[in-house]
PDB file of N, CA and C in Angstrom:
ATOM      1  N   UNK A   1     -15.895  37.772  13.105  1.00  0.00           N
ATOM      2  CA  UNK A   1     -15.712  36.625  12.242  1.00  0.00           C
ATOM      3  C   UNK A   1     -16.315  35.394  12.896  1.00  0.00           C
ATOM      4  N   UNK A   2     -17.245  34.810  12.209  1.00  0.00           N
ATOM      5  CA  UNK A   2     -17.956  33.660  12.739  1.00  0.00           C
ATOM      6  C   UNK A   2     -17.554  32.413  11.974  1.00  0.00           C
ATOM      7  N   UNK A   3     -16.315  32.002  12.115  1.00  0.00           N
ATOM      8  CA  UNK A   3     -15.830  30.851  11.351  1.00  0.00           C
ATOM      9  C   UNK A   3     -15.996  29.570  12.161  1.00  0.00           C
ATOM     10  N   UNK A   4     -16.353  28.493  11.482  1.00  0.00           N
ATOM     11  CA  UNK A   4     -16.480  27.213  12.191  1.00  0.00           C
ATOM     12  C   UNK A   4     -15.111  26.711  12.643  1.00  0.00           C
ATOM     13  N   UNK A   5     -15.158  25.809  13.577  1.00  0.00           N
ATOM     14  CA  UNK A   5     -13.921  25.210  14.114  1.00  0.00           C
ATOM     15  C   UNK A   5     -13.192  24.431  13.020  1.00  0.00           C
ATOM     16  N   UNK A   6     -11.887  24.498  13.065  1.00  0.00           N
ATOM     17  CA  UNK A   6     -11.072  23.786  12.075  1.00  0.00           C
ATOM     18  C   UNK A   6     -11.191  22.281  12.287  1.00  0.00           C
ATOM     19  N   UNK A   7     -11.352  21.528  11.197  1.00  0.00           N
ATOM     20  CA  UNK A   7     -11.370  20.067  11.351  1.00  0.00           C
ATOM     21  C   UNK A   7     -10.008  19.574  11.826  1.00  0.00           C
ATOM     22  N   UNK A   8     -10.027  18.730  12.818  1.00  0.00           N
ATOM     23  CA  UNK A   8      -8.780  18.217  13.380  1.00  0.00           C
ATOM     24  C   UNK A   8      -8.388  16.919  12.684  1.00  0.00           C
ATOM     25  N   UNK A   9      -7.106  16.773  12.476  1.00  0.00           N
ATOM     26  CA  UNK A   9      -6.585  15.544  11.894  1.00  0.00           C
ATOM     27  C   UNK A   9      -6.314  14.560  13.024  1.00  0.00           C
ATOM     28  N   UNK A  10      -6.948  13.410  12.958  1.00  0.00           N
ATOM     29  CA  UNK A  10      -6.784  12.389  13.986  1.00  0.00           C
ATOM     30  C   UNK A  10      -5.486  11.626  13.735  1.00  0.00           C
ATOM     31  N   UNK A  11      -4.510  11.733  14.637  1.00  0.00           N
ATOM     32  CA  UNK A  11      -3.242  11.028  14.416  1.00  0.00           C
ATOM     33  C   UNK A  11      -3.399   9.506  14.408  1.00  0.00           C
ATOM     34  N   UNK A  12      -4.433   8.998  15.067  1.00  0.00           N
ATOM     35  CA  UNK A  12      -4.654   7.545  15.066  1.00  0.00           C
ATOM     36  C   UNK A  12      -5.048   7.043  13.680  1.00  0.00           C
ATOM     37  N   UNK A  13      -5.802   7.860  12.939  1.00  0.00           N
ATOM     38  CA  UNK A  13      -6.195   7.470  11.582  1.00  0.00           C
ATOM     39  C   UNK A  13      -4.960   7.406  10.699  1.00  0.00           C
ATOM     40  N   UNK A  14      -4.065   8.371  10.876  1.00  0.00           N
ATOM     41  CA  UNK A  14      -2.826   8.369  10.092  1.00  0.00           C
ATOM     42  C   UNK A  14      -1.959   7.160  10.447  1.00  0.00           C
ATOM     43  N   UNK A  15      -1.840   6.869  11.737  1.00  0.00           N
ATOM     44  CA  UNK A  15      -1.047   5.706  12.160  1.00  0.00           C
ATOM     45  C   UNK A  15      -1.635   4.416  11.597  1.00  0.00           C
ATOM     46  N   UNK A  16      -2.966   4.310  11.647  1.00  0.00           N
ATOM     47  CA  UNK A  16      -3.621   3.108  11.131  1.00  0.00           C
ATOM     48  C   UNK A  16      -3.385   2.973   9.630  1.00  0.00           C
ATOM     49  N   UNK A  17      -3.468   4.089   8.907  1.00  0.00           N
ATOM     50  CA  UNK A  17      -3.239   4.060   7.459  1.00  0.00           C
ATOM     51  C   UNK A  17      -1.803   3.655   7.150  1.00  0.00           C
ATOM     52  N   UNK A  18      -0.858   4.241   7.854  1.00  0.00           N
ATOM     53  CA  UNK A  18       0.551   3.890   7.636  1.00  0.00           C
ATOM     54  C   UNK A  18       0.818   2.426   7.970  1.00  0.00           C
ATOM     55  N   UNK A  19       0.267   1.986   9.093  1.00  0.00           N
ATOM     56  CA  UNK A  19       0.472   0.605   9.526  1.00  0.00           C
ATOM     57  C   UNK A  19      -0.110  -0.379   8.504  1.00  0.00           C
ATOM     58  N   UNK A  20      -1.314  -0.104   8.039  1.00  0.00           N
ATOM     59  CA  UNK A  20      -1.967  -1.008   7.083  1.00  0.00           C
ATOM     60  C   UNK A  20      -1.222  -1.030   5.751  1.00  0.00           C
ATOM     61  N   UNK A  21      -0.781   0.139   5.291  1.00  0.00           N
ATOM     62  CA  UNK A  21      -0.059   0.202   4.015  1.00  0.00           C
ATOM     63  C   UNK A  21       1.292  -0.512   4.111  1.00  0.00           C
ATOM     64  N   UNK A  22       1.990  -0.326   5.207  1.00  0.00           N
ATOM     65  CA  UNK A  22       3.290  -0.986   5.388  1.00  0.00           C
ATOM     66  C   UNK A  22       3.107  -2.498   5.507  1.00  0.00           C
ATOM     67  N   UNK A  23       2.090  -2.913   6.252  1.00  0.00           N
ATOM     68  CA  UNK A  23       1.837  -4.350   6.416  1.00  0.00           C
ATOM     69  C   UNK A  23       1.529  -5.001   5.064  1.00  0.00           C
ATOM     70  N   UNK A  24       0.686  -4.364   4.270  1.00  0.00           N
ATOM     71  CA  UNK A  24       0.344  -4.910   2.953  1.00  0.00           C
ATOM     72  C   UNK A  24       1.560  -4.883   2.026  1.00  0.00           C
ATOM     73  N   UNK A  25       2.326  -3.806   2.082  1.00  0.00           N
ATOM     74  CA  UNK A  25       3.528  -3.709   1.250  1.00  0.00           C
ATOM     75  C   UNK A  25       4.561  -4.766   1.598  1.00  0.00           C
ATOM     76  N   UNK A  26       4.759  -4.997   2.885  1.00  0.00           N
ATOM     77  CA  UNK A  26       5.718  -6.024   3.306  1.00  0.00           C
ATOM     78  C   UNK A  26       5.241  -7.427   2.936  1.00  0.00           C
ATOM     79  N   UNK A  27       3.941  -7.660   3.018  1.00  0.00           N
ATOM     80  CA  UNK A  27       3.407  -8.965   2.617  1.00  0.00           C
ATOM     81  C   UNK A  27       3.632  -9.193   1.125  1.00  0.00           C
ATOM     82  N   UNK A  28       3.422  -8.152   0.328  1.00  0.00           N
ATOM     83  CA  UNK A  28       3.650  -8.276  -1.115  1.00  0.00           C
ATOM     84  C   UNK A  28       5.132  -8.473  -1.425  1.00  0.00           C
ATOM     85  N   UNK A  29       5.991  -7.778  -0.695  1.00  0.00           N
ATOM     86  CA  UNK A  29       7.432  -7.936  -0.889  1.00  0.00           C
ATOM     87  C   UNK A  29       7.872  -9.357  -0.528  1.00  0.00           C
ATOM     88  N   UNK A  30       7.351  -9.870   0.579  1.00  0.00           N
ATOM     89  CA  UNK A  30       7.690 -11.238   0.985  1.00  0.00           C
ATOM     90  C   UNK A  30       7.217 -12.246  -0.060  1.00  0.00           C
ATOM     91  N   UNK A  31       6.028 -12.033  -0.604  1.00  0.00           N
ATOM     92  CA  UNK A  31       5.522 -12.921  -1.655  1.00  0.00           C
ATOM     93  C   UNK A  31       6.439 -12.891  -2.871  1.00  0.00           C
ATOM     94  N   UNK A  32       6.874 -11.704  -3.261  1.00  0.00           N
ATOM     95  CA  UNK A  32       7.784 -11.557  -4.397  1.00  0.00           C
ATOM     96  C   UNK A  32       9.095 -12.304  -4.152  1.00  0.00           C
ATOM     97  N   UNK A  33       9.657 -12.154  -2.965  1.00  0.00           N
ATOM     98  CA  UNK A  33      10.929 -12.814  -2.639  1.00  0.00           C
ATOM     99  C   UNK A  33      10.757 -14.334  -2.626  1.00  0.00           C
ATOM    100  N   UNK A  34       9.679 -14.805  -2.025  1.00  0.00           N
ATOM    101  CA  UNK A  34       9.427 -16.251  -1.976  1.00  0.00           C
ATOM    102  C   UNK A  34       9.254 -16.809  -3.384  1.00  0.00           C
ATOM    103  N   UNK A  35       8.502 -16.122  -4.221  1.00  0.00           N
ATOM    104  CA  UNK A  35       8.324 -16.588  -5.600  1.00  0.00           C
ATOM    105  C   UNK A  35       9.643 -16.594  -6.366  1.00  0.00           C
ATOM    106  N   UNK A  36      10.463 -15.574  -6.147  1.00  0.00           N
ATOM    107  CA  UNK A  36      11.768 -15.526  -6.809  1.00  0.00           C
ATOM    108  C   UNK A  36      12.615 -16.731  -6.409  1.00  0.00           C
ATOM    109  N   UNK A  37      12.644 -17.031  -5.125  1.00  0.00           N
ATOM    110  CA  UNK A  37      13.424 -18.174  -4.638  1.00  0.00           C
ATOM    111  C   UNK A  37      12.869 -19.484  -5.191  1.00  0.00           C
ATOM    112  N   UNK A  38      11.558 -19.636  -5.178  1.00  0.00           N
ATOM    113  CA  UNK A  38      10.946 -20.876  -5.687  1.00  0.00           C
ATOM    114  C   UNK A  38      11.272 -21.078  -7.163  1.00  0.00           C
ATOM    115  N   UNK A  39      11.138 -20.024  -7.953  1.00  0.00           N
ATOM    116  CA  UNK A  39      11.417 -20.143  -9.388  1.00  0.00           C
ATOM    117  C   UNK A  39      12.895 -20.440  -9.623  1.00  0.00           C
ATOM    118  N   UNK A  40      13.765 -19.783  -8.884  1.00  0.00           N
ATOM    119  CA  UNK A  40      15.209 -20.000  -9.044  1.00  0.00           C
ATOM    120  C   UNK A  40      15.592 -21.428  -8.659  1.00  0.00           C
ATOM    121  N   UNK A  41      15.044 -21.912  -7.555  1.00  0.00           N
ATOM    122  CA  UNK A  41      15.341 -23.282  -7.114  1.00  0.00           C
ATOM    123  C   UNK A  41      14.792 -24.293  -8.118  1.00  0.00           C
ATOM    124  N   UNK A  42      13.586 -24.054  -8.612  1.00  0.00           N
ATOM    125  CA  UNK A  42      13.005 -24.966  -9.610  1.00  0.00           C
ATOM    126  C   UNK A  42      13.859 -25.004 -10.870  1.00  0.00           C
ATOM    127  N   UNK A  43      14.360 -23.855 -11.291  1.00  0.00           N
ATOM    128  CA  UNK A  43      15.218 -23.815 -12.481  1.00  0.00           C
ATOM    129  C   UNK A  43      16.519 -24.574 -12.236  1.00  0.00           C
ATOM    130  N   UNK A  44      17.066 -24.460 -11.034  1.00  0.00           N
ATOM    131  CA  UNK A  44      18.308 -25.171 -10.729  1.00  0.00           C
ATOM    132  C   UNK A  44      18.073 -26.679 -10.629  1.00  0.00           C
ATOM    133  N   UNK A  45      16.908 -27.079 -10.127  1.00  0.00           N
ATOM    134  CA  UNK A  45      16.610 -28.506  -9.990  1.00  0.00           C
ATOM    135  C   UNK A  45      16.457 -29.198 -11.338  1.00  0.00           C
ATOM    136  N   UNK A  46      15.951 -28.490 -12.322  1.00  0.00           N
ATOM    137  CA  UNK A  46      15.815 -29.110 -13.649  1.00  0.00           C
ATOM    138  C   UNK A  46      17.035 -28.832 -14.519  1.00  0.00           C
ATOM    139  N   UNK A  47      18.077 -28.322 -13.891  1.00  0.00           N
ATOM    140  CA  UNK A  47      19.354 -28.057 -14.557  1.00  0.00           C
ATOM    141  C   UNK A  47      19.202 -27.111 -15.755  1.00  0.00           C
ATOM    142  N   UNK A  48      18.417 -26.063 -15.529  1.00  0.00           N
ATOM    143  CA  UNK A  48      18.235 -25.027 -16.546  1.00  0.00           C
ATOM    144  C   UNK A  48      18.454 -23.678 -15.865  1.00  0.00           C
ATOM    145  N   UNK A  49      19.720 -23.291 -15.689  1.00  0.00           N
ATOM    146  CA  UNK A  49      19.994 -22.045 -14.976  1.00  0.00           C
ATOM    147  C   UNK A  49      19.360 -20.841 -15.681  1.00  0.00           C
ATOM    148  N   UNK A  50      18.705 -20.024 -14.891  1.00  0.00           N
ATOM    149  CA  UNK A  50      18.042 -18.819 -15.390  1.00  0.00           C
ATOM    150  C   UNK A  50      18.667 -17.638 -14.653  1.00  0.00           C
ATOM    151  N   UNK A  51      18.971 -16.559 -15.364  1.00  0.00           N
ATOM    152  CA  UNK A  51      19.520 -15.387 -14.675  1.00  0.00           C
ATOM    153  C   UNK A  51      18.553 -14.879 -13.595  1.00  0.00           C
ATOM    154  N   UNK A  52      19.120 -14.400 -12.525  1.00  0.00           N
ATOM    155  CA  UNK A  52      18.315 -13.931 -11.401  1.00  0.00           C
ATOM    156  C   UNK A  52      17.368 -12.807 -11.814  1.00  0.00           C
ATOM    157  N   UNK A  53      17.808 -11.959 -12.731  1.00  0.00           N
ATOM    158  CA  UNK A  53      16.958 -10.850 -13.187  1.00  0.00           C
ATOM    159  C   UNK A  53      15.697 -11.393 -13.861  1.00  0.00           C
ATOM    160  N   UNK A  54      15.854 -12.414 -14.675  1.00  0.00           N
ATOM    161  CA  UNK A  54      14.697 -13.009 -15.354  1.00  0.00           C
ATOM    162  C   UNK A  54      13.766 -13.687 -14.347  1.00  0.00           C
ATOM    163  N   UNK A  55      14.357 -14.348 -13.368  1.00  0.00           N
ATOM    164  CA  UNK A  55      13.560 -14.985 -12.324  1.00  0.00           C
ATOM    165  C   UNK A  55      12.779 -13.936 -11.547  1.00  0.00           C
ATOM    166  N   UNK A  56      13.437 -12.840 -11.216  1.00  0.00           N
ATOM    167  CA  UNK A  56      12.773 -11.770 -10.473  1.00  0.00           C
ATOM    168  C   UNK A  56      11.652 -11.139 -11.294  1.00  0.00           C
ATOM    169  N   UNK A  57      11.874 -10.943 -12.587  1.00  0.00           N
ATOM    170  CA  UNK A  57      10.823 -10.375 -13.437  1.00  0.00           C
ATOM    171  C   UNK A  57       9.614 -11.302 -13.517  1.00  0.00           C
ATOM    172  N   UNK A  58       9.864 -12.588 -13.663  1.00  0.00           N
ATOM    173  CA  UNK A  58       8.760 -13.547 -13.695  1.00  0.00           C
ATOM    174  C   UNK A  58       8.016 -13.553 -12.358  1.00  0.00           C
ATOM    175  N   UNK A  59       8.758 -13.527 -11.276  1.00  0.00           N
ATOM    176  CA  UNK A  59       8.135 -13.493  -9.949  1.00  0.00           C
ATOM    177  C   UNK A  59       7.317 -12.221  -9.766  1.00  0.00           C
ATOM    178  N   UNK A  60       7.805 -11.115 -10.284  1.00  0.00           N
ATOM    179  CA  UNK A  60       7.084  -9.847 -10.189  1.00  0.00           C
ATOM    180  C   UNK A  60       5.763  -9.913 -10.945  1.00  0.00           C
ATOM    181  N   UNK A  61       5.803 -10.468 -12.139  1.00  0.00           N
ATOM    182  CA  UNK A  61       4.589 -10.587 -12.951  1.00  0.00           C
ATOM    183  C   UNK A  61       3.567 -11.500 -12.275  1.00  0.00           C
ATOM    184  N   UNK A  62       4.031 -12.565 -11.661  1.00  0.00           N
ATOM    185  CA  UNK A  62       3.130 -13.499 -10.983  1.00  0.00           C
ATOM    186  C   UNK A  62       2.642 -12.919  -9.654  1.00  0.00           C
ATOM    187  N   UNK A  63       3.495 -12.185  -8.957  1.00  0.00           N
ATOM    188  CA  UNK A  63       3.157 -11.682  -7.624  1.00  0.00           C
ATOM    189  C   UNK A  63       2.073 -10.610  -7.649  1.00  0.00           C
ATOM    190  N   UNK A  64       2.024  -9.801  -8.698  1.00  0.00           N
ATOM    191  CA  UNK A  64       1.012  -8.736  -8.746  1.00  0.00           C
ATOM    192  C   UNK A  64      -0.410  -9.279  -8.609  1.00  0.00           C
ATOM    193  N   UNK A  65      -0.863 -10.140  -9.519  1.00  0.00           N
ATOM    194  CA  UNK A  65      -2.243 -10.633  -9.362  1.00  0.00           C
ATOM    195  C   UNK A  65      -2.401 -11.603  -8.194  1.00  0.00           C
ATOM    196  N   UNK A  66      -1.360 -12.358  -7.900  1.00  0.00           N
ATOM    197  CA  UNK A  66      -1.450 -13.327  -6.816  1.00  0.00           C
ATOM    198  C   UNK A  66      -1.631 -12.639  -5.462  1.00  0.00           C
ATOM    199  N   UNK A  67      -1.007 -11.492  -5.278  1.00  0.00           N
ATOM    200  CA  UNK A  67      -1.146 -10.778  -4.005  1.00  0.00           C
ATOM    201  C   UNK A  67      -2.580 -10.300  -3.794  1.00  0.00           C
ATOM    202  N   UNK A  68      -3.283  -9.994  -4.874  1.00  0.00           N
ATOM    203  CA  UNK A  68      -4.680  -9.577  -4.739  1.00  0.00           C
ATOM    204  C   UNK A  68      -5.563 -10.755  -4.316  1.00  0.00           C
ATOM    205  N   UNK A  69      -5.180 -11.951  -4.712  1.00  0.00           N
ATOM    206  CA  UNK A  69      -5.948 -13.139  -4.334  1.00  0.00           C
ATOM    207  C   UNK A  69      -5.584 -13.643  -2.941  1.00  0.00           C
ATOM    208  N   UNK A  70      -4.316 -13.527  -2.579  1.00  0.00           N
ATOM    209  CA  UNK A  70      -3.850 -14.060  -1.297  1.00  0.00           C
ATOM    210  C   UNK A  70      -4.123 -13.103  -0.133  1.00  0.00           C
ATOM    211  N   UNK A  71      -4.004 -11.801  -0.380  1.00  0.00           N
ATOM    212  CA  UNK A  71      -4.131 -10.811   0.700  1.00  0.00           C
ATOM    213  C   UNK A  71      -5.309  -9.852   0.494  1.00  0.00           C
ATOM    214  N   UNK A  72      -6.525 -10.321   0.238  1.00  0.00           N
ATOM    215  CA  UNK A  72      -7.614  -9.375  -0.033  1.00  0.00           C
ATOM    216  C   UNK A  72      -7.993  -8.530   1.187  1.00  0.00           C
ATOM    217  N   UNK A  73      -7.964  -9.118   2.376  1.00  0.00           N
ATOM    218  CA  UNK A  73      -8.336  -8.352   3.574  1.00  0.00           C
ATOM    219  C   UNK A  73      -7.317  -7.249   3.852  1.00  0.00           C
ATOM    220  N   UNK A  74      -6.040  -7.567   3.695  1.00  0.00           N
ATOM    221  CA  UNK A  74      -4.999  -6.553   3.907  1.00  0.00           C
ATOM    222  C   UNK A  74      -5.132  -5.415   2.904  1.00  0.00           C
ATOM    223  N   UNK A  75      -5.431  -5.765   1.653  1.00  0.00           N
ATOM    224  CA  UNK A  75      -5.562  -4.755   0.607  1.00  0.00           C
ATOM    225  C   UNK A  75      -6.744  -3.835   0.900  1.00  0.00           C
ATOM    226  N   UNK A  76      -7.880  -4.416   1.281  1.00  0.00           N
ATOM    227  CA  UNK A  76      -9.068  -3.618   1.583  1.00  0.00           C
ATOM    228  C   UNK A  76      -8.820  -2.745   2.812  1.00  0.00           C
ATOM    229  N   UNK A  77      -8.193  -3.301   3.826  1.00  0.00           N
ATOM    230  CA  UNK A  77      -7.891  -2.530   5.040  1.00  0.00           C
ATOM    231  C   UNK A  77      -6.975  -1.350   4.718  1.00  0.00           C
ATOM    232  N   UNK A  78      -5.952  -1.593   3.919  1.00  0.00           N
ATOM    233  CA  UNK A  78      -5.035  -0.517   3.541  1.00  0.00           C
ATOM    234  C   UNK A  78      -5.761   0.550   2.733  1.00  0.00           C
ATOM    235  N   UNK A  79      -6.577   0.135   1.786  1.00  0.00           N
ATOM    236  CA  UNK A  79      -7.304   1.086   0.952  1.00  0.00           C
ATOM    237  C   UNK A  79      -8.270   1.921   1.778  1.00  0.00           C
ATOM    238  N   UNK A  80      -9.025   1.277   2.657  1.00  0.00           N
ATOM    239  CA  UNK A  80     -10.004   1.999   3.467  1.00  0.00           C
ATOM    240  C   UNK A  80      -9.346   2.952   4.453  1.00  0.00           C
ATOM    241  N   UNK A  81      -8.275   2.526   5.080  1.00  0.00           N
ATOM    242  CA  UNK A  81      -7.629   3.396   6.066  1.00  0.00           C
ATOM    243  C   UNK A  81      -6.937   4.579   5.396  1.00  0.00           C
ATOM    244  N   UNK A  82      -6.344   4.357   4.236  1.00  0.00           N
ATOM    245  CA  UNK A  82      -5.729   5.474   3.506  1.00  0.00           C
ATOM    246  C   UNK A  82      -6.812   6.423   3.004  1.00  0.00           C
ATOM    247  N   UNK A  83      -7.961   5.892   2.592  1.00  0.00           N
ATOM    248  CA  UNK A  83      -9.071   6.740   2.141  1.00  0.00           C
ATOM    249  C   UNK A  83      -9.608   7.591   3.291  1.00  0.00           C
ATOM    250  N   UNK A  84      -9.697   7.023   4.488  1.00  0.00           N
ATOM    251  CA  UNK A  84     -10.166   7.786   5.649  1.00  0.00           C
ATOM    252  C   UNK A  84      -9.191   8.911   5.981  1.00  0.00           C
ATOM    253  N   UNK A  85      -7.911   8.621   5.940  1.00  0.00           N
ATOM    254  CA  UNK A  85      -6.903   9.643   6.208  1.00  0.00           C
ATOM    255  C   UNK A  85      -6.951  10.733   5.140  1.00  0.00           C
ATOM    256  N   UNK A  86      -7.113  10.324   3.896  1.00  0.00           N
ATOM    257  CA  UNK A  86      -7.189  11.275   2.788  1.00  0.00           C
ATOM    258  C   UNK A  86      -8.416  12.173   2.929  1.00  0.00           C
ATOM    259  N   UNK A  87      -9.538  11.614   3.352  1.00  0.00           N
ATOM    260  CA  UNK A  87     -10.752  12.411   3.534  1.00  0.00           C
ATOM    261  C   UNK A  87     -10.550  13.463   4.620  1.00  0.00           C
ATOM    262  N   UNK A  88      -9.875  13.093   5.698  1.00  0.00           N
ATOM    263  CA  UNK A  88      -9.581  14.067   6.759  1.00  0.00           C
ATOM    264  C   UNK A  88      -8.699  15.193   6.232  1.00  0.00           C
ATOM    265  N   UNK A  89      -7.686  14.836   5.479  1.00  0.00           N
ATOM    266  CA  UNK A  89      -6.770  15.846   4.941  1.00  0.00           C
ATOM    267  C   UNK A  89      -7.490  16.772   3.967  1.00  0.00           C
ATOM    268  N   UNK A  90      -8.358  16.212   3.127  1.00  0.00           N
ATOM    269  CA  UNK A  90      -9.099  17.040   2.172  1.00  0.00           C
ATOM    270  C   UNK A  90     -10.030  18.005   2.890  1.00  0.00           C
ATOM    271  N   UNK A  91     -10.691  17.532   3.952  1.00  0.00           N
ATOM    272  CA  UNK A  91     -11.576  18.405   4.725  1.00  0.00           C
ATOM    273  C   UNK A  91     -10.780  19.540   5.357  1.00  0.00           C
ATOM    274  N   UNK A  92      -9.628  19.226   5.880  1.00  0.00           N
ATOM    275  CA  UNK A  92      -8.775  20.255   6.492  1.00  0.00           C
ATOM    276  C   UNK A  92      -8.295  21.257   5.444  1.00  0.00           C
ATOM    277  N   UNK A  93      -7.858  20.766   4.288  1.00  0.00           N
ATOM    278  CA  UNK A  93      -7.395  21.662   3.226  1.00  0.00           C
ATOM    279  C   UNK A  93      -8.527  22.558   2.735  1.00  0.00           C
ATOM    280  N   UNK A  94      -9.734  21.998   2.613  1.00  0.00           N
ATOM    281  CA  UNK A  94     -10.871  22.804   2.169  1.00  0.00           C
ATOM    282  C   UNK A  94     -11.189  23.877   3.194  1.00  0.00           C
ATOM    283  N   UNK A  95     -11.101  23.549   4.477  1.00  0.00           N
ATOM    284  CA  UNK A  95     -11.346  24.538   5.519  1.00  0.00           C
ATOM    285  C   UNK A  95     -10.323  25.672   5.423  1.00  0.00           C
ATOM    286  N   UNK A  96      -9.052  25.319   5.200  1.00  0.00           N
ATOM    287  CA  UNK A  96      -8.001  26.336   5.067  1.00  0.00           C
ATOM    288  C   UNK A  96      -8.290  27.225   3.861  1.00  0.00           C
ATOM    289  N   UNK A  97      -8.678  26.622   2.733  1.00  0.00           N
ATOM    290  CA  UNK A  97      -9.011  27.417   1.540  1.00  0.00           C
ATOM    291  C   UNK A  97     -10.167  28.367   1.818  1.00  0.00           C
ATOM    292  N   UNK A  98     -11.202  27.865   2.495  1.00  0.00           N
ATOM    293  CA  UNK A  98     -12.358  28.702   2.820  1.00  0.00           C
ATOM    294  C   UNK A  98     -11.965  29.857   3.735  1.00  0.00           C
ATOM    295  N   UNK A  99     -11.126  29.559   4.722  1.00  0.00           N
ATOM    296  CA  UNK A  99     -10.672  30.613   5.639  1.00  0.00           C
ATOM    297  C   UNK A  99      -9.860  31.672   4.901  1.00  0.00           C
ATOM    298  N   UNK A 100      -8.998  31.236   4.008  1.00  0.00           N
ATOM    299  CA  UNK A 100      -8.176  32.191   3.265  1.00  0.00           C
ATOM    300  C   UNK A 100      -9.011  33.009   2.283  1.00  0.00           C
ATOM    301  N   UNK A 101     -10.042  32.417   1.723  1.00  0.00           N
ATOM    302  CA  UNK A 101     -10.870  33.155   0.766  1.00  0.00           C
ATOM    303  C   UNK A 101     -11.714  34.216   1.455  1.00  0.00           C
ATOM    304  N   UNK A 102     -11.979  34.071   2.734  1.00  0.00           N
ATOM    305  CA  UNK A 102     -12.765  35.065   3.489  1.00  0.00           C
ATOM    306  C   UNK A 102     -11.942  36.285   3.868  1.00  0.00           C
ATOM    307  N   UNK A 103     -10.652  36.205   3.747  1.00  0.00           N
ATOM    308  CA  UNK A 103      -9.796  37.321   4.196  1.00  0.00           C
ATOM    309  C   UNK A 103      -9.532  38.307   3.111  1.00  0.00           C
TER     310      UNK A 103
END
């Protein structure tokens, strides 16, 4: 059997992907929380109490596009690192499929 060497999964690529995704996720979560607080405080200052659920929904709607404008480097880094990890996993899975099909 003359099979090529199995592609190895680089644990550093996985760590980088996890780190980048968590960093971007936490930044987006912080933005959502800050927007919720700002909207709630603004509503209280103008003496127009708004339920927290409504404030959170408004903050969520605003935070989605705003996070793409505020954190573009984090988003690109997370996307690229997850894509690199995914490519490694796909190569490994394809190698396993090829090995199993030869048997």
